[in-house]
């Protein structure tokens, strides 16, 4: 293979493309809704919605809910 790469560039391109192709995707997601029933997200839009709901990093706190540090 290494000797052919100088003379047959198409062969090395095919090898590289085959090895670097990404084949991963997000599978169907299951979650429990507010009613307690198990739901299944099968479309990309449903999967995105489920992941968006689960990926909350920040919370909104009401005013005045923080403890004084006494500094």
C-alpha atoms as a PDB file:
ATOM      1  CA  UNK A   1       0.000   0.000   0.000  1.00  0.00           C
ATOM      2  CA  UNK A   2       2.713   2.477   0.922  1.00  0.00           C
ATOM      3  CA  UNK A   3       4.531   1.915  -2.361  1.00  0.00           C
ATOM      4  CA  UNK A   4       1.340   2.356  -4.378  1.00  0.00           C
ATOM      5  CA  UNK A   5       0.477   5.739  -2.861  1.00  0.00           C
ATOM      6  CA  UNK A   6       3.037   7.559  -5.006  1.00  0.00           C
ATOM      7  CA  UNK A   7       1.802   6.039  -8.246  1.00  0.00           C
ATOM      8  CA  UNK A   8      -1.895   5.538  -7.508  1.00  0.00           C
ATOM      9  CA  UNK A   9      -3.235   8.581  -5.653  1.00  0.00           C
ATOM     10  CA  UNK A  10      -6.827   7.457  -6.068  1.00  0.00           C
ATOM     11  CA  UNK A  11      -6.132   4.342  -4.018  1.00  0.00           C
ATOM     12  CA  UNK A  12      -4.737   6.295  -1.056  1.00  0.00           C
ATOM     13  CA  UNK A  13      -7.648   8.765  -1.201  1.00  0.00           C
ATOM     14  CA  UNK A  14     -10.136   5.908  -1.051  1.00  0.00           C
ATOM     15  CA  UNK A  15      -8.299   4.421   1.936  1.00  0.00           C
ATOM     16  CA  UNK A  16      -8.267   7.713   3.841  1.00  0.00           C
ATOM     17  CA  UNK A  17     -11.932   8.455   3.124  1.00  0.00           C
ATOM     18  CA  UNK A  18     -12.952   4.982   4.249  1.00  0.00           C
ATOM     19  CA  UNK A  19     -11.076   5.297   7.545  1.00  0.00           C
ATOM     20  CA  UNK A  20     -12.233   8.828   8.404  1.00  0.00           C
ATOM     21  CA  UNK A  21     -15.940   8.523   7.583  1.00  0.00           C
ATOM     22  CA  UNK A  22     -18.162   9.290  10.561  1.00  0.00           C
ATOM     23  CA  UNK A  23     -20.986   6.856  11.079  1.00  0.00           C
ATOM     24  CA  UNK A  24     -22.293   7.807  14.506  1.00  0.00           C
ATOM     25  CA  UNK A  25     -25.682   9.267  15.231  1.00  0.00           C
ATOM     26  CA  UNK A  26     -27.995   9.774  18.177  1.00  0.00           C
ATOM     27  CA  UNK A  27     -30.301   6.827  18.667  1.00  0.00           C
ATOM     28  CA  UNK A  28     -33.911   6.920  19.753  1.00  0.00           C
ATOM     29  CA  UNK A  29     -34.280   8.446  23.219  1.00  0.00           C
ATOM     30  CA  UNK A  30     -36.691   7.380  25.963  1.00  0.00           C
ATOM     31  CA  UNK A  31     -37.913   9.686  28.704  1.00  0.00           C
ATOM     32  CA  UNK A  32     -40.727   9.915  31.201  1.00  0.00           C
ATOM     33  CA  UNK A  33     -43.209  12.703  30.621  1.00  0.00           C
ATOM     34  CA  UNK A  34     -44.965  14.739  33.308  1.00  0.00           C
ATOM     35  CA  UNK A  35     -47.813  12.218  33.285  1.00  0.00           C
ATOM     36  CA  UNK A  36     -45.409   9.361  34.172  1.00  0.00           C
ATOM     37  CA  UNK A  37     -45.700   7.610  30.811  1.00  0.00           C
ATOM     38  CA  UNK A  38     -42.585   6.489  28.964  1.00  0.00           C
ATOM     39  CA  UNK A  39     -42.155   8.313  25.654  1.00  0.00           C
ATOM     40  CA  UNK A  40     -39.925   7.545  22.679  1.00  0.00           C
ATOM     41  CA  UNK A  41     -38.352  10.209  20.460  1.00  0.00           C
ATOM     42  CA  UNK A  42     -37.861   8.837  16.952  1.00  0.00           C
ATOM     43  CA  UNK A  43     -37.393  11.947  14.817  1.00  0.00           C
ATOM     44  CA  UNK A  44     -34.397  14.269  14.917  1.00  0.00           C
ATOM     45  CA  UNK A  45     -36.631  17.109  16.081  1.00  0.00           C
ATOM     46  CA  UNK A  46     -37.941  15.040  19.011  1.00  0.00           C
ATOM     47  CA  UNK A  47     -34.392  13.999  19.950  1.00  0.00           C
ATOM     48  CA  UNK A  48     -33.243  17.618  19.908  1.00  0.00           C
ATOM     49  CA  UNK A  49     -36.143  18.677  22.122  1.00  0.00           C
ATOM     50  CA  UNK A  50     -35.435  15.931  24.670  1.00  0.00           C
ATOM     51  CA  UNK A  51     -31.722  16.739  24.787  1.00  0.00           C
ATOM     52  CA  UNK A  52     -32.452  20.448  25.124  1.00  0.00           C
ATOM     53  CA  UNK A  53     -34.714  19.852  28.128  1.00  0.00           C
ATOM     54  CA  UNK A  54     -32.123  17.648  29.835  1.00  0.00           C
ATOM     55  CA  UNK A  55     -29.107  19.870  29.212  1.00  0.00           C
ATOM     56  CA  UNK A  56     -30.056  22.845  31.361  1.00  0.00           C
ATOM     57  CA  UNK A  57     -26.937  24.264  33.004  1.00  0.00           C
ATOM     58  CA  UNK A  58     -28.304  27.447  34.507  1.00  0.00           C
ATOM     59  CA  UNK A  59     -31.322  27.980  36.695  1.00  0.00           C
ATOM     60  CA  UNK A  60     -33.349  31.127  37.165  1.00  0.00           C
ATOM     61  CA  UNK A  61     -33.578  32.061  40.821  1.00  0.00           C
ATOM     62  CA  UNK A  62     -36.223  34.486  42.077  1.00  0.00           C
ATOM     63  CA  UNK A  63     -35.013  37.763  43.587  1.00  0.00           C
ATOM     64  CA  UNK A  64     -34.130  37.648  47.262  1.00  0.00           C
ATOM     65  CA  UNK A  65     -33.648  33.895  47.453  1.00  0.00           C
ATOM     66  CA  UNK A  66     -29.910  34.051  48.191  1.00  0.00           C
ATOM     67  CA  UNK A  67     -28.511  33.718  51.706  1.00  0.00           C
ATOM     68  CA  UNK A  68     -26.369  36.530  53.078  1.00  0.00           C
ATOM     69  CA  UNK A  69     -22.718  35.597  53.359  1.00  0.00           C
ATOM     70  CA  UNK A  70     -22.117  37.897  56.316  1.00  0.00           C
ATOM     71  CA  UNK A  71     -19.171  39.699  54.809  1.00  0.00           C
END
